[in-house]
Amino acid sequence: MASVAAIARQGMGIGSGYSPSSGSASLKAYEKAAEEAKAANEARYQEAMGIYDQIISQYQPGGQFGQGALAQYEIGKTKALSQGMQNLVSSGLSNTTVAGAMPMQYEQEVGTPFRLQLEDMRMRLLSEAQQNKAGLIERRQDVYPDPNLMANLQSQAASYGGGGGGMSLITAKGAGVGSTRRLSL
């Protein structure tokens, strides 16, 4: 909630020269500023939520995470099996059961551990992204200036007639060197 001094610093039109019409205009300006702040905050929040949604979709099954690593794995597998077959041909064992078992052996020794590590990493990153999004939602605080405070200040200023007998706040807004602007309540 804004303090009286903060509102005075904003130069909302309360003080010497106060009139009910200037107070109404000030209240409208205050409400407009509050609505603009709400809209800007909501836009930032929606943008952050969209970014988290993109990150989460990247890590979900079928997402883009790990596609490059899987492509490299397939290239490495093809090269390794080709070299293995070359070695079998060179040693005269190409027509044996060893050649048929090579892809399965490669998958057991290299492919399965690789895929499990990749899946573990994907799940960990997905979980982190979901936790971060939940944290964003949890930390959101929609605290905005209270328009009732402004209305109360204006009614107090009107009851004092805009000068004299109330509290006086000195602000620097719009003041030149050596001069001040006073807010009398």
Protein backbone atom coordinates (compact mmCIF):
# COMPACT_ATOMS: atom_id res chain seq x y z
CA MET A 1 0.00 0.00 0.00
CA ALA A 2 1.34 3.41 -0.89
CA SER A 3 2.33 5.76 1.90
CA VAL A 4 1.03 9.31 2.17
CA ALA A 5 4.52 10.59 1.37
CA ALA A 6 4.70 8.42 -1.75
CA ILE A 7 1.39 9.73 -3.01
CA ALA A 8 2.55 13.26 -2.27
CA ARG A 9 5.76 12.59 -4.23
CA GLN A 10 3.69 11.45 -7.17
CA GLY A 11 2.16 14.92 -7.31
CA MET A 12 -1.42 13.74 -7.40
CA GLY A 13 -2.84 17.24 -7.12
CA ILE A 14 -3.69 17.37 -3.43
CA GLY A 15 -2.50 20.43 -1.58
CA SER A 16 -2.67 24.12 -2.10
CA GLY A 17 -5.13 24.94 -4.82
CA TYR A 18 -7.13 21.76 -4.19
CA SER A 19 -10.60 21.69 -5.54
CA PRO A 20 -13.09 18.82 -5.79
CA SER A 21 -12.73 18.75 -9.57
CA SER A 22 -8.92 18.49 -9.41
CA GLY A 23 -9.29 15.73 -6.81
CA SER A 24 -11.60 13.79 -9.10
CA ALA A 25 -9.13 14.15 -11.96
CA SER A 26 -6.33 13.02 -9.68
CA LEU A 27 -8.30 9.99 -8.58
CA LYS A 28 -8.97 9.09 -12.20
CA ALA A 29 -5.27 9.51 -13.04
CA TYR A 30 -4.38 7.35 -10.04
CA GLU A 31 -6.87 4.66 -11.06
CA LYS A 32 -5.62 4.77 -14.65
CA ALA A 33 -2.01 4.36 -13.50
CA ALA A 34 -3.02 1.45 -11.27
CA GLU A 35 -4.86 -0.26 -14.16
CA GLU A 36 -1.85 0.24 -16.46
CA ALA A 37 0.41 -1.28 -13.80
CA LYS A 38 -1.95 -4.25 -13.44
CA ALA A 39 -2.01 -4.77 -17.21
CA ALA A 40 1.79 -4.58 -17.46
CA ASN A 41 2.22 -7.05 -14.60
CA GLU A 42 -0.30 -9.44 -16.14
CA ALA A 43 1.48 -9.22 -19.51
CA ARG A 44 4.84 -10.04 -17.87
CA TYR A 45 3.27 -12.91 -15.94
CA GLN A 46 1.65 -14.36 -19.09
CA GLU A 47 4.95 -14.04 -20.97
CA ALA A 48 6.79 -15.92 -18.21
CA MET A 49 4.08 -18.60 -18.15
CA GLY A 50 4.41 -18.97 -21.94
CA ILE A 51 8.17 -19.39 -21.67
CA TYR A 52 7.75 -22.08 -19.01
CA ASP A 53 5.13 -23.82 -21.17
CA GLN A 54 7.62 -23.92 -24.07
CA ILE A 55 10.37 -25.29 -21.84
CA ILE A 56 8.05 -27.93 -20.39
CA SER A 57 6.84 -29.02 -23.83
CA GLN A 58 10.47 -29.38 -24.93
CA TYR A 59 11.13 -31.86 -22.10
CA GLN A 60 7.86 -33.79 -22.30
CA PRO A 61 7.81 -37.13 -24.15
CA GLY A 62 7.82 -36.39 -27.86
CA GLY A 63 9.47 -33.01 -27.27
CA GLN A 64 12.67 -31.81 -28.89
CA PHE A 65 14.96 -32.57 -25.96
CA GLY A 66 17.54 -35.22 -26.83
CA GLN A 67 16.77 -35.35 -30.56
CA GLY A 68 20.32 -34.31 -31.45
CA ALA A 69 21.85 -36.80 -29.04
CA LEU A 70 19.66 -39.60 -30.43
CA ALA A 71 20.69 -38.69 -33.97
CA GLN A 72 24.37 -38.81 -32.95
CA TYR A 73 23.76 -42.17 -31.25
CA GLU A 74 22.25 -43.61 -34.45
CA ILE A 75 25.20 -42.33 -36.50
CA GLY A 76 27.64 -43.84 -33.99
CA LYS A 77 25.72 -47.11 -34.01
CA THR A 78 25.82 -47.30 -37.82
CA LYS A 79 29.57 -46.60 -37.84
CA ALA A 80 30.31 -49.11 -35.09
CA LEU A 81 28.25 -51.85 -36.73
CA SER A 82 29.86 -51.14 -40.11
CA GLN A 83 33.34 -51.38 -38.60
CA GLY A 84 32.35 -54.56 -36.77
CA MET A 85 31.10 -56.12 -40.00
CA GLN A 86 34.32 -55.05 -41.75
CA ASN A 87 36.32 -56.81 -39.03
CA LEU A 88 34.18 -59.94 -39.38
CA VAL A 89 34.67 -59.94 -43.16
CA SER A 90 38.43 -59.47 -42.73
CA SER A 91 38.61 -62.39 -40.31
CA GLY A 92 36.32 -64.60 -42.46
CA LEU A 93 33.45 -64.67 -39.94
CA SER A 94 30.87 -62.64 -41.86
CA ASN A 95 28.55 -65.61 -42.47
CA THR A 96 28.40 -66.66 -38.82
CA THR A 97 25.86 -65.95 -36.08
CA VAL A 98 28.24 -63.35 -34.68
CA ALA A 99 27.22 -60.91 -37.42
CA GLY A 100 23.52 -61.26 -36.56
CA ALA A 101 24.12 -60.75 -32.84
CA MET A 102 26.17 -57.55 -33.23
CA PRO A 103 23.25 -55.08 -33.36
CA MET A 104 21.62 -56.62 -30.28
CA GLN A 105 24.90 -56.66 -28.38
CA TYR A 106 25.54 -53.00 -29.30
CA GLU A 107 22.07 -52.08 -28.12
CA GLN A 108 22.58 -53.86 -24.79
CA GLU A 109 26.02 -52.45 -24.13
CA VAL A 110 25.66 -48.93 -25.53
CA GLY A 111 22.11 -48.10 -26.60
CA THR A 112 20.11 -49.06 -23.52
CA PRO A 113 22.39 -47.28 -21.00
CA PHE A 114 22.50 -44.22 -23.27
CA ARG A 115 18.70 -44.08 -23.62
CA LEU A 116 18.19 -44.58 -19.89
CA GLN A 117 20.61 -41.76 -19.05
CA LEU A 118 18.93 -39.51 -21.60
CA GLU A 119 15.48 -40.34 -20.18
CA ASP A 120 16.68 -39.71 -16.61
CA MET A 121 18.07 -36.33 -17.67
CA ARG A 122 14.87 -35.45 -19.55
CA MET A 123 12.70 -36.33 -16.54
CA ARG A 124 14.93 -34.37 -14.16
CA LEU A 125 14.84 -31.29 -16.40
CA LEU A 126 11.07 -31.64 -16.92
CA SER A 127 10.57 -31.84 -13.17
CA GLU A 128 12.76 -28.75 -12.60
CA ALA A 129 10.86 -26.78 -15.24
CA GLN A 130 7.51 -27.76 -13.72
CA GLN A 131 8.74 -26.84 -10.23
CA ASN A 132 10.00 -23.49 -11.48
CA LYS A 133 6.64 -22.78 -13.12
CA ALA A 134 4.84 -23.75 -9.92
CA GLY A 135 7.18 -21.42 -8.01
CA LEU A 136 6.32 -18.57 -10.38
CA ILE A 137 2.64 -19.18 -9.79
CA GLU A 138 3.13 -19.46 -6.03
CA ARG A 139 5.24 -16.29 -5.76
CA ARG A 140 2.80 -14.16 -7.74
CA GLN A 141 1.46 -11.38 -5.60
CA ASP A 142 -1.23 -9.14 -6.97
CA VAL A 143 -0.74 -6.23 -4.60
CA TYR A 144 -1.66 -2.91 -6.10
CA PRO A 145 -2.20 0.58 -4.71
CA ASP A 146 -5.48 0.93 -2.91
CA PRO A 147 -7.75 3.45 -4.69
CA ASN A 148 -9.65 3.87 -1.41
CA LEU A 149 -6.51 5.36 0.12
CA MET A 150 -6.44 8.01 -2.61
CA ALA A 151 -10.13 8.75 -2.14
CA ASN A 152 -9.65 9.07 1.64
CA LEU A 153 -6.73 11.43 1.15
CA GLN A 154 -8.77 13.55 -1.22
CA SER A 155 -11.73 13.73 1.13
CA GLN A 156 -9.43 14.71 3.98
CA ALA A 157 -7.86 17.39 1.84
CA ALA A 158 -11.31 18.68 0.88
CA SER A 159 -12.43 18.78 4.51
CA TYR A 160 -9.39 20.88 5.40
CA GLY A 161 -10.09 23.21 2.51
CA GLY A 162 -6.77 22.48 0.89
CA GLY A 163 -4.59 24.44 3.22
CA GLY A 164 -3.56 25.33 6.66
CA GLY A 165 -4.65 23.24 9.60
CA GLY A 166 -3.62 19.71 8.70
CA MET A 167 -0.43 17.81 8.21
CA SER A 168 2.05 19.28 5.75
CA LEU A 169 4.33 17.18 3.57
CA ILE A 170 7.17 18.68 1.58
CA THR A 171 7.96 17.08 -1.76
CA ALA A 172 10.61 17.73 -4.34
CA LYS A 173 8.55 16.85 -7.42
CA GLY A 174 8.48 19.78 -9.78
CA ALA A 175 10.47 21.93 -7.43
CA GLY A 176 13.41 23.96 -8.62
CA VAL A 177 16.61 24.53 -6.69
CA GLY A 178 15.84 25.97 -3.27
CA SER A 179 12.08 25.65 -3.64
CA THR A 180 9.64 23.10 -2.33
CA ARG A 181 6.11 22.08 -2.92
CA ARG A 182 3.86 21.44 0.07
CA LEU A 183 0.99 19.04 0.54
CA SER A 184 -1.38 20.13 3.23
CA LEU A 185 -3.88 17.68 4.63
